[in-house]
PDB file of N, CA and C in Angstrom:
ATOM      1  N   MET A   1     204.669   4.590 162.372  1.00  0.00           N
ATOM      2  CA  MET A   1     203.896   5.786 162.666  1.00  0.00           C
ATOM      3  C   MET A   1     204.791   6.771 163.409  1.00  0.00           C
ATOM      4  N   THR A   2     204.748   8.026 162.995  1.00  0.00           N
ATOM      5  CA  THR A   2     205.618   9.013 163.606  1.00  0.00           C
ATOM      6  C   THR A   2     204.933   9.828 164.689  1.00  0.00           C
ATOM      7  N   GLY A   3     203.622   9.969 164.641  1.00  0.00           N
ATOM      8  CA  GLY A   3     202.891  10.750 165.636  1.00  0.00           C
ATOM      9  C   GLY A   3     202.193   9.858 166.629  1.00  0.00           C
ATOM     10  N   PRO A   4     201.367  10.471 167.477  1.00  0.00           N
ATOM     11  CA  PRO A   4     200.640   9.687 168.472  1.00  0.00           C
ATOM     12  C   PRO A   4     199.543   8.840 167.833  1.00  0.00           C
ATOM     13  N   LYS A   5     199.243   7.728 168.490  1.00  0.00           N
ATOM     14  CA  LYS A   5     198.150   6.860 168.054  1.00  0.00           C
ATOM     15  C   LYS A   5     196.832   7.561 168.345  1.00  0.00           C
ATOM     16  N   VAL A   6     195.930   7.555 167.366  1.00  0.00           N
ATOM     17  CA  VAL A   6     194.647   8.238 167.499  1.00  0.00           C
ATOM     18  C   VAL A   6     193.523   7.212 167.416  1.00  0.00           C
ATOM     19  N   ARG A   7     192.511   7.390 168.248  1.00  0.00           N
ATOM     20  CA  ARG A   7     191.310   6.546 168.173  1.00  0.00           C
ATOM     21  C   ARG A   7     190.337   7.233 167.221  1.00  0.00           C
ATOM     22  N   ILE A   8     189.905   6.512 166.182  1.00  0.00           N
ATOM     23  CA  ILE A   8     189.077   7.086 165.131  1.00  0.00           C
ATOM     24  C   ILE A   8     187.808   6.257 164.977  1.00  0.00           C
ATOM     25  N   ALA A   9     186.668   6.918 164.923  1.00  0.00           N
ATOM     26  CA  ALA A   9     185.392   6.259 164.642  1.00  0.00           C
ATOM     27  C   ALA A   9     184.872   6.787 163.312  1.00  0.00           C
ATOM     28  N   ILE A  10     184.484   5.873 162.439  1.00  0.00           N
ATOM     29  CA  ILE A  10     183.912   6.235 161.146  1.00  0.00           C
ATOM     30  C   ILE A  10     182.469   5.726 161.145  1.00  0.00           C
ATOM     31  N   LEU A  11     181.540   6.604 160.872  1.00  0.00           N
ATOM     32  CA  LEU A  11     180.124   6.267 160.859  1.00  0.00           C
ATOM     33  C   LEU A  11     179.594   6.433 159.442  1.00  0.00           C
ATOM     34  N   GLY A  12     179.066   5.361 158.881  1.00  0.00           N
ATOM     35  CA  GLY A  12     178.496   5.418 157.535  1.00  0.00           C
ATOM     36  C   GLY A  12     177.747   4.130 157.245  1.00  0.00           C
ATOM     37  N   ILE A  13     176.702   4.210 156.459  1.00  0.00           N
ATOM     38  CA  ILE A  13     175.868   3.033 156.221  1.00  0.00           C
ATOM     39  C   ILE A  13     176.494   2.061 155.223  1.00  0.00           C
ATOM     40  N   ASN A  14     177.425   2.516 154.380  1.00  0.00           N
ATOM     41  CA  ASN A  14     178.001   1.655 153.351  1.00  0.00           C
ATOM     42  C   ASN A  14     179.466   1.363 153.629  1.00  0.00           C
ATOM     43  N   PHE A  15     179.822   0.072 153.517  1.00  0.00           N
ATOM     44  CA  PHE A  15     181.192  -0.383 153.791  1.00  0.00           C
ATOM     45  C   PHE A  15     181.390  -1.700 153.049  1.00  0.00           C
ATOM     46  N   ALA A  16     182.610  -2.170 152.942  1.00  0.00           N
ATOM     47  CA  ALA A  16     182.886  -3.445 152.271  1.00  0.00           C
ATOM     48  C   ALA A  16     182.014  -4.534 152.862  1.00  0.00           C
ATOM     49  N   PRO A  17     181.530  -5.458 152.076  1.00  0.00           N
ATOM     50  CA  PRO A  17     181.930  -5.815 150.719  1.00  0.00           C
ATOM     51  C   PRO A  17     181.144  -5.127 149.608  1.00  0.00           C
ATOM     52  N   GLU A  18     180.423  -4.062 149.908  1.00  0.00           N
ATOM     53  CA  GLU A  18     179.703  -3.367 148.845  1.00  0.00           C
ATOM     54  C   GLU A  18     180.705  -2.822 147.831  1.00  0.00           C
ATOM     55  N   PRO A  19     180.486  -3.083 146.523  1.00  0.00           N
ATOM     56  CA  PRO A  19     181.501  -2.771 145.521  1.00  0.00           C
ATOM     57  C   PRO A  19     181.437  -1.368 144.938  1.00  0.00           C
ATOM     58  N   THR A  20     180.363  -0.619 145.168  1.00  0.00           N
ATOM     59  CA  THR A  20     180.214   0.678 144.512  1.00  0.00           C
ATOM     60  C   THR A  20     179.820   1.745 145.519  1.00  0.00           C
ATOM     61  N   GLY A  21     179.673   2.956 145.012  1.00  0.00           N
ATOM     62  CA  GLY A  21     179.272   4.074 145.858  1.00  0.00           C
ATOM     63  C   GLY A  21     180.398   4.488 146.793  1.00  0.00           C
ATOM     64  N   ILE A  22     180.057   4.885 147.983  1.00  0.00           N
ATOM     65  CA  ILE A  22     181.021   5.381 148.960  1.00  0.00           C
ATOM     66  C   ILE A  22     181.740   4.258 149.696  1.00  0.00           C
ATOM     67  N   ALA A  23     181.223   3.025 149.621  1.00  0.00           N
ATOM     68  CA  ALA A  23     181.791   1.902 150.387  1.00  0.00           C
ATOM     69  C   ALA A  23     183.282   1.667 150.124  1.00  0.00           C
ATOM     70  N   PRO A  24     183.752   1.609 148.866  1.00  0.00           N
ATOM     71  CA  PRO A  24     185.190   1.389 148.658  1.00  0.00           C
ATOM     72  C   PRO A  24     186.057   2.497 149.270  1.00  0.00           C
ATOM     73  N   TYR A  25     185.614   3.748 149.166  1.00  0.00           N
ATOM     74  CA  TYR A  25     186.366   4.857 149.742  1.00  0.00           C
ATOM     75  C   TYR A  25     186.443   4.719 151.266  1.00  0.00           C
ATOM     76  N   THR A  26     185.311   4.472 151.911  1.00  0.00           N
ATOM     77  CA  THR A  26     185.275   4.354 153.362  1.00  0.00           C
ATOM     78  C   THR A  26     186.123   3.176 153.837  1.00  0.00           C
ATOM     79  N   THR A  27     186.058   2.059 153.117  1.00  0.00           N
ATOM     80  CA  THR A  27     186.826   0.869 153.472  1.00  0.00           C
ATOM     81  C   THR A  27     188.321   1.134 153.381  1.00  0.00           C
ATOM     82  N   LEU A  28     188.755   1.771 152.293  1.00  0.00           N
ATOM     83  CA  LEU A  28     190.185   2.078 152.132  1.00  0.00           C
ATOM     84  C   LEU A  28     190.660   3.117 153.147  1.00  0.00           C
ATOM     85  N   LEU A  29     189.811   4.074 153.467  1.00  0.00           N
ATOM     86  CA  LEU A  29     190.160   5.066 154.495  1.00  0.00           C
ATOM     87  C   LEU A  29     190.408   4.375 155.824  1.00  0.00           C
ATOM     88  N   ALA A  30     189.487   3.500 156.231  1.00  0.00           N
ATOM     89  CA  ALA A  30     189.605   2.805 157.514  1.00  0.00           C
ATOM     90  C   ALA A  30     190.845   1.919 157.558  1.00  0.00           C
ATOM     91  N   SER A  31     191.070   1.111 156.519  1.00  0.00           N
ATOM     92  CA  SER A  31     192.225   0.206 156.534  1.00  0.00           C
ATOM     93  C   SER A  31     193.536   0.966 156.419  1.00  0.00           C
ATOM     94  N   GLY A  32     193.551   2.077 155.690  1.00  0.00           N
ATOM     95  CA  GLY A  32     194.762   2.894 155.590  1.00  0.00           C
ATOM     96  C   GLY A  32     195.142   3.528 156.915  1.00  0.00           C
ATOM     97  N   LEU A  33     194.163   4.037 157.646  1.00  0.00           N
ATOM     98  CA  LEU A  33     194.430   4.626 158.960  1.00  0.00           C
ATOM     99  C   LEU A  33     194.897   3.557 159.950  1.00  0.00           C
ATOM    100  N   ALA A  34     194.273   2.379 159.901  1.00  0.00           N
ATOM    101  CA  ALA A  34     194.686   1.289 160.796  1.00  0.00           C
ATOM    102  C   ALA A  34     196.099   0.816 160.465  1.00  0.00           C
ATOM    103  N   ALA A  35     196.442   0.774 159.194  1.00  0.00           N
ATOM    104  CA  ALA A  35     197.786   0.358 158.784  1.00  0.00           C
ATOM    105  C   ALA A  35     198.849   1.337 159.280  1.00  0.00           C
ATOM    106  N   ARG A  36     198.463   2.565 159.522  1.00  0.00           N
ATOM    107  CA  ARG A  36     199.391   3.576 160.051  1.00  0.00           C
ATOM    108  C   ARG A  36     199.454   3.555 161.572  1.00  0.00           C
ATOM    109  N   GLY A  37     198.760   2.589 162.179  1.00  0.00           N
ATOM    110  CA  GLY A  37     198.870   2.412 163.620  1.00  0.00           C
ATOM    111  C   GLY A  37     197.752   3.003 164.444  1.00  0.00           C
ATOM    112  N   HIS A  38     196.753   3.601 163.809  1.00  0.00           N
ATOM    113  CA  HIS A  38     195.642   4.180 164.555  1.00  0.00           C
ATOM    114  C   HIS A  38     194.625   3.100 164.924  1.00  0.00           C
ATOM    115  N   GLU A  39     193.863   3.355 165.969  1.00  0.00           N
ATOM    116  CA  GLU A  39     192.805   2.449 166.394  1.00  0.00           C
ATOM    117  C   GLU A  39     191.515   2.895 165.707  1.00  0.00           C
ATOM    118  N   VAL A  40     191.025   2.083 164.770  1.00  0.00           N
ATOM    119  CA  VAL A  40     189.895   2.477 163.933  1.00  0.00           C
ATOM    120  C   VAL A  40     188.692   1.572 164.200  1.00  0.00           C
ATOM    121  N   GLU A  41     187.537   2.196 164.398  1.00  0.00           N
ATOM    122  CA  GLU A  41     186.285   1.479 164.564  1.00  0.00           C
ATOM    123  C   GLU A  41     185.282   2.045 163.560  1.00  0.00           C
ATOM    124  N   VAL A  42     184.611   1.149 162.838  1.00  0.00           N
ATOM    125  CA  VAL A  42     183.604   1.551 161.853  1.00  0.00           C
ATOM    126  C   VAL A  42     182.238   1.119 162.362  1.00  0.00           C
ATOM    127  N   LEU A  43     181.293   2.040 162.362  1.00  0.00           N
ATOM    128  CA  LEU A  43     179.898   1.770 162.716  1.00  0.00           C
ATOM    129  C   LEU A  43     179.111   1.877 161.422  1.00  0.00           C
ATOM    130  N   THR A  44     178.549   0.756 160.975  1.00  0.00           N
ATOM    131  CA  THR A  44     177.943   0.719 159.651  1.00  0.00           C
ATOM    132  C   THR A  44     176.743  -0.211 159.620  1.00  0.00           C
ATOM    133  N   GLY A  45     176.098  -0.272 158.473  1.00  0.00           N
ATOM    134  CA  GLY A  45     174.970  -1.174 158.274  1.00  0.00           C
ATOM    135  C   GLY A  45     175.435  -2.483 157.667  1.00  0.00           C
ATOM    136  N   PHE A  46     174.509  -3.408 157.516  1.00  0.00           N
ATOM    137  CA  PHE A  46     174.816  -4.663 156.842  1.00  0.00           C
ATOM    138  C   PHE A  46     174.844  -4.415 155.335  1.00  0.00           C
ATOM    139  N   PRO A  47     175.682  -5.140 154.611  1.00  0.00           N
ATOM    140  CA  PRO A  47     175.781  -4.932 153.160  1.00  0.00           C
ATOM    141  C   PRO A  47     174.427  -5.146 152.468  1.00  0.00           C
ATOM    142  N   HIS A  48     174.058  -4.187 151.605  1.00  0.00           N
ATOM    143  CA  HIS A  48     172.787  -4.276 150.886  1.00  0.00           C
ATOM    144  C   HIS A  48     172.808  -3.582 149.526  1.00  0.00           C
ATOM    145  N   TYR A  49     173.855  -2.856 149.232  1.00  0.00           N
ATOM    146  CA  TYR A  49     173.890  -2.032 148.034  1.00  0.00           C
ATOM    147  C   TYR A  49     174.857  -2.620 147.016  1.00  0.00           C
ATOM    148  N   PRO A  50     174.587  -2.678 145.744  1.00  0.00           N
ATOM    149  CA  PRO A  50     173.507  -2.036 144.992  1.00  0.00           C
ATOM    150  C   PRO A  50     172.281  -2.917 144.764  1.00  0.00           C
ATOM    151  N   GLN A  51     172.203  -4.101 145.364  1.00  0.00           N
ATOM    152  CA  GLN A  51     171.075  -5.013 145.147  1.00  0.00           C
ATOM    153  C   GLN A  51     169.807  -4.586 145.877  1.00  0.00           C
ATOM    154  N   TRP A  52     169.937  -3.734 146.889  1.00  0.00           N
ATOM    155  CA  TRP A  52     168.836  -3.309 147.736  1.00  0.00           C
ATOM    156  C   TRP A  52     168.199  -4.490 148.461  1.00  0.00           C
ATOM    157  N   LYS A  53     169.036  -5.426 148.907  1.00  0.00           N
ATOM    158  CA  LYS A  53     168.610  -6.498 149.806  1.00  0.00           C
ATOM    159  C   LYS A  53     169.835  -6.950 150.583  1.00  0.00           C
ATOM    160  N   ARG A  54     169.623  -7.411 151.793  1.00  0.00           N
ATOM    161  CA  ARG A  54     170.723  -7.847 152.647  1.00  0.00           C
ATOM    162  C   ARG A  54     171.449  -9.009 152.009  1.00  0.00           C
ATOM    163  N   LEU A  55     172.763  -8.954 151.967  1.00  0.00           N
ATOM    164  CA  LEU A  55     173.558 -10.013 151.360  1.00  0.00           C
ATOM    165  C   LEU A  55     173.521 -11.299 152.165  1.00  0.00           C
ATOM    166  N   ASP A  56     173.381 -11.200 153.488  1.00  0.00           N
ATOM    167  CA  ASP A  56     173.383 -12.414 154.315  1.00  0.00           C
ATOM    168  C   ASP A  56     172.024 -13.113 154.320  1.00  0.00           C
ATOM    169  N   GLY A  57     171.007 -12.479 153.760  1.00  0.00           N
ATOM    170  CA  GLY A  57     169.705 -13.105 153.627  1.00  0.00           C
ATOM    171  C   GLY A  57     168.852 -13.138 154.880  1.00  0.00           C
ATOM    172  N   GLY A  58     169.437 -12.976 156.037  1.00  0.00           N
ATOM    173  CA  GLY A  58     168.674 -13.028 157.284  1.00  0.00           C
ATOM    174  C   GLY A  58     168.632 -11.672 157.942  1.00  0.00           C
ATOM    175  N   PHE A  59     168.246 -11.678 159.207  1.00  0.00           N
ATOM    176  CA  PHE A  59     168.262 -10.425 159.942  1.00  0.00           C
ATOM    177  C   PHE A  59     168.882 -10.646 161.308  1.00  0.00           C
ATOM    178  N   ARG A  60     169.915  -9.927 161.562  1.00  0.00           N
ATOM    179  CA  ARG A  60     170.524  -9.837 162.886  1.00  0.00           C
ATOM    180  C   ARG A  60     170.552  -8.364 163.231  1.00  0.00           C
ATOM    181  N   PHE A  61     170.393  -8.057 164.490  1.00  0.00           N
ATOM    182  CA  PHE A  61     170.422  -6.651 164.875  1.00  0.00           C
ATOM    183  C   PHE A  61     171.837  -6.086 164.852  1.00  0.00           C
ATOM    184  N   ARG A  62     172.827  -6.941 165.193  1.00  0.00           N
ATOM    185  CA  ARG A  62     174.184  -6.418 165.315  1.00  0.00           C
ATOM    186  C   ARG A  62     175.205  -7.519 165.071  1.00  0.00           C
ATOM    187  N   SER A  63     176.362  -7.134 164.544  1.00  0.00           N
ATOM    188  CA  SER A  63     177.486  -8.062 164.437  1.00  0.00           C
ATOM    189  C   SER A  63     178.779  -7.280 164.650  1.00  0.00           C
ATOM    190  N   ASP A  64     179.790  -7.981 165.115  1.00  0.00           N
ATOM    191  CA  ASP A  64     181.117  -7.396 165.314  1.00  0.00           C
ATOM    192  C   ASP A  64     182.136  -8.255 164.598  1.00  0.00           C
ATOM    193  N   GLU A  65     183.074  -7.609 163.910  1.00  0.00           N
ATOM    194  CA  GLU A  65     184.139  -8.327 163.227  1.00  0.00           C
ATOM    195  C   GLU A  65     185.384  -7.448 163.187  1.00  0.00           C
ATOM    196  N   ILE A  66     186.500  -8.070 162.928  1.00  0.00           N
ATOM    197  CA  ILE A  66     187.751  -7.327 162.756  1.00  0.00           C
ATOM    198  C   ILE A  66     188.359  -7.759 161.435  1.00  0.00           C
ATOM    199  N   GLU A  67     188.691  -6.770 160.608  1.00  0.00           N
ATOM    200  CA  GLU A  67     189.299  -7.042 159.321  1.00  0.00           C
ATOM    201  C   GLU A  67     190.333  -5.958 159.046  1.00  0.00           C
ATOM    202  N   ASP A  68     191.525  -6.353 158.639  1.00  0.00           N
ATOM    203  CA  ASP A  68     192.623  -5.404 158.381  1.00  0.00           C
ATOM    204  C   ASP A  68     192.854  -4.472 159.568  1.00  0.00           C
ATOM    205  N   ARG A  69     192.788  -5.013 160.770  1.00  0.00           N
ATOM    206  CA  ARG A  69     192.991  -4.273 162.015  1.00  0.00           C
ATOM    207  C   ARG A  69     191.932  -3.207 162.264  1.00  0.00           C
ATOM    208  N   VAL A  70     190.787  -3.318 161.592  1.00  0.00           N
ATOM    209  CA  VAL A  70     189.664  -2.383 161.766  1.00  0.00           C
ATOM    210  C   VAL A  70     188.536  -3.126 162.456  1.00  0.00           C
ATOM    211  N   ARG A  71     188.013  -2.546 163.543  1.00  0.00           N
ATOM    212  CA  ARG A  71     186.848  -3.136 164.205  1.00  0.00           C
ATOM    213  C   ARG A  71     185.605  -2.642 163.477  1.00  0.00           C
ATOM    214  N   ILE A  72     184.795  -3.580 162.985  1.00  0.00           N
ATOM    215  CA  ILE A  72     183.606  -3.250 162.211  1.00  0.00           C
ATOM    216  C   ILE A  72     182.382  -3.683 163.009  1.00  0.00           C
ATOM    217  N   ARG A  73     181.546  -2.725 163.355  1.00  0.00           N
ATOM    218  CA  ARG A  73     180.298  -3.003 164.069  1.00  0.00           C
ATOM    219  C   ARG A  73     179.157  -2.710 163.111  1.00  0.00           C
ATOM    220  N   ARG A  74     178.412  -3.765 162.765  1.00  0.00           N
ATOM    221  CA  ARG A  74     177.295  -3.617 161.835  1.00  0.00           C
ATOM    222  C   ARG A  74     175.983  -3.639 162.614  1.00  0.00           C
ATOM    223  N   PHE A  75     175.082  -2.763 162.198  1.00  0.00           N
ATOM    224  CA  PHE A  75     173.778  -2.660 162.842  1.00  0.00           C
ATOM    225  C   PHE A  75     172.679  -2.868 161.804  1.00  0.00           C
ATOM    226  N   GLY A  76     171.614  -3.573 162.219  1.00  0.00           N
ATOM    227  CA  GLY A  76     170.479  -3.808 161.336  1.00  0.00           C
ATOM    228  C   GLY A  76     169.742  -2.518 161.041  1.00  0.00           C
ATOM    229  N   HIS A  77     169.234  -2.411 159.841  1.00  0.00           N
ATOM    230  CA  HIS A  77     168.492  -1.230 159.430  1.00  0.00           C
ATOM    231  C   HIS A  77     167.506  -1.631 158.336  1.00  0.00           C
ATOM    232  N   HIS A  78     166.568  -0.781 158.091  1.00  0.00           N
ATOM    233  CA  HIS A  78     165.557  -1.029 157.068  1.00  0.00           C
ATOM    234  C   HIS A  78     166.180  -0.902 155.681  1.00  0.00           C
ATOM    235  N   VAL A  79     165.847  -1.835 154.807  1.00  0.00           N
ATOM    236  CA  VAL A  79     166.225  -1.751 153.398  1.00  0.00           C
ATOM    237  C   VAL A  79     164.929  -1.815 152.597  1.00  0.00           C
ATOM    238  N   PRO A  80     164.595  -0.751 151.858  1.00  0.00           N
ATOM    239  CA  PRO A  80     163.335  -0.760 151.109  1.00  0.00           C
ATOM    240  C   PRO A  80     163.312  -1.878 150.072  1.00  0.00           C
ATOM    241  N   ARG A  81     162.146  -2.515 149.902  1.00  0.00           N
ATOM    242  CA  ARG A  81     162.015  -3.580 148.898  1.00  0.00           C
ATOM    243  C   ARG A  81     162.004  -3.012 147.487  1.00  0.00           C
ATOM    244  N   VAL A  82     161.327  -1.900 147.308  1.00  0.00           N
ATOM    245  CA  VAL A  82     161.212  -1.296 145.989  1.00  0.00           C
ATOM    246  C   VAL A  82     161.661   0.159 146.095  1.00  0.00           C
ATOM    247  N   LEU A  83     162.537   0.546 145.186  1.00  0.00           N
ATOM    248  CA  LEU A  83     162.957   1.937 145.165  1.00  0.00           C
ATOM    249  C   LEU A  83     161.863   2.768 144.528  1.00  0.00           C
ATOM    250  N   ARG A  84     161.543   3.852 145.152  1.00  0.00           N
ATOM    251  CA  ARG A  84     160.517   4.733 144.583  1.00  0.00           C
ATOM    252  C   ARG A  84     161.152   5.605 143.521  1.00  0.00           C
ATOM    253  N   GLN A  85     160.601   5.585 142.358  1.00  0.00           N
ATOM    254  CA  GLN A  85     161.067   6.407 141.251  1.00  0.00           C
ATOM    255  C   GLN A  85     160.473   7.804 141.395  1.00  0.00           C
ATOM    256  N   SER A  86     161.229   8.791 140.963  1.00  0.00           N
ATOM    257  CA  SER A  86     160.669  10.133 141.006  1.00  0.00           C
ATOM    258  C   SER A  86     159.539  10.217 139.975  1.00  0.00           C
ATOM    259  N   VAL A  87     158.489  10.870 140.309  1.00  0.00           N
ATOM    260  CA  VAL A  87     157.325  10.975 139.441  1.00  0.00           C
ATOM    261  C   VAL A  87     157.475  12.210 138.552  1.00  0.00           C
ATOM    262  N   GLU A  88     157.392  11.975 137.249  1.00  0.00           N
ATOM    263  CA  GLU A  88     157.445  13.100 136.325  1.00  0.00           C
ATOM    264  C   GLU A  88     156.058  13.709 136.219  1.00  0.00           C
ATOM    265  N   ARG A  89     156.021  15.003 136.197  1.00  0.00           N
ATOM    266  CA  ARG A  89     154.715  15.699 136.103  1.00  0.00           C
ATOM    267  C   ARG A  89     154.492  16.222 134.730  1.00  0.00           C
TER     268      ARG A  89
END
């Protein structure tokens, strides 16, 4: 790293291991910044997309993990059971 170390917080509901949507972009952004020597923390939800159900099957309010030098803080949130379809008139 050639410049000063920066502390970076990324806030978004989707993150790895979700395979689609914004999650891959956010995950690569976080790990790329950490690989360059920055201190990166991600505040996100528990994986649920695209299945629309929690992957871990249970409910915890919060978890902390470190992966690829990124601190990942996951917070519990509501996941709708049924997606509401737009109503055609």
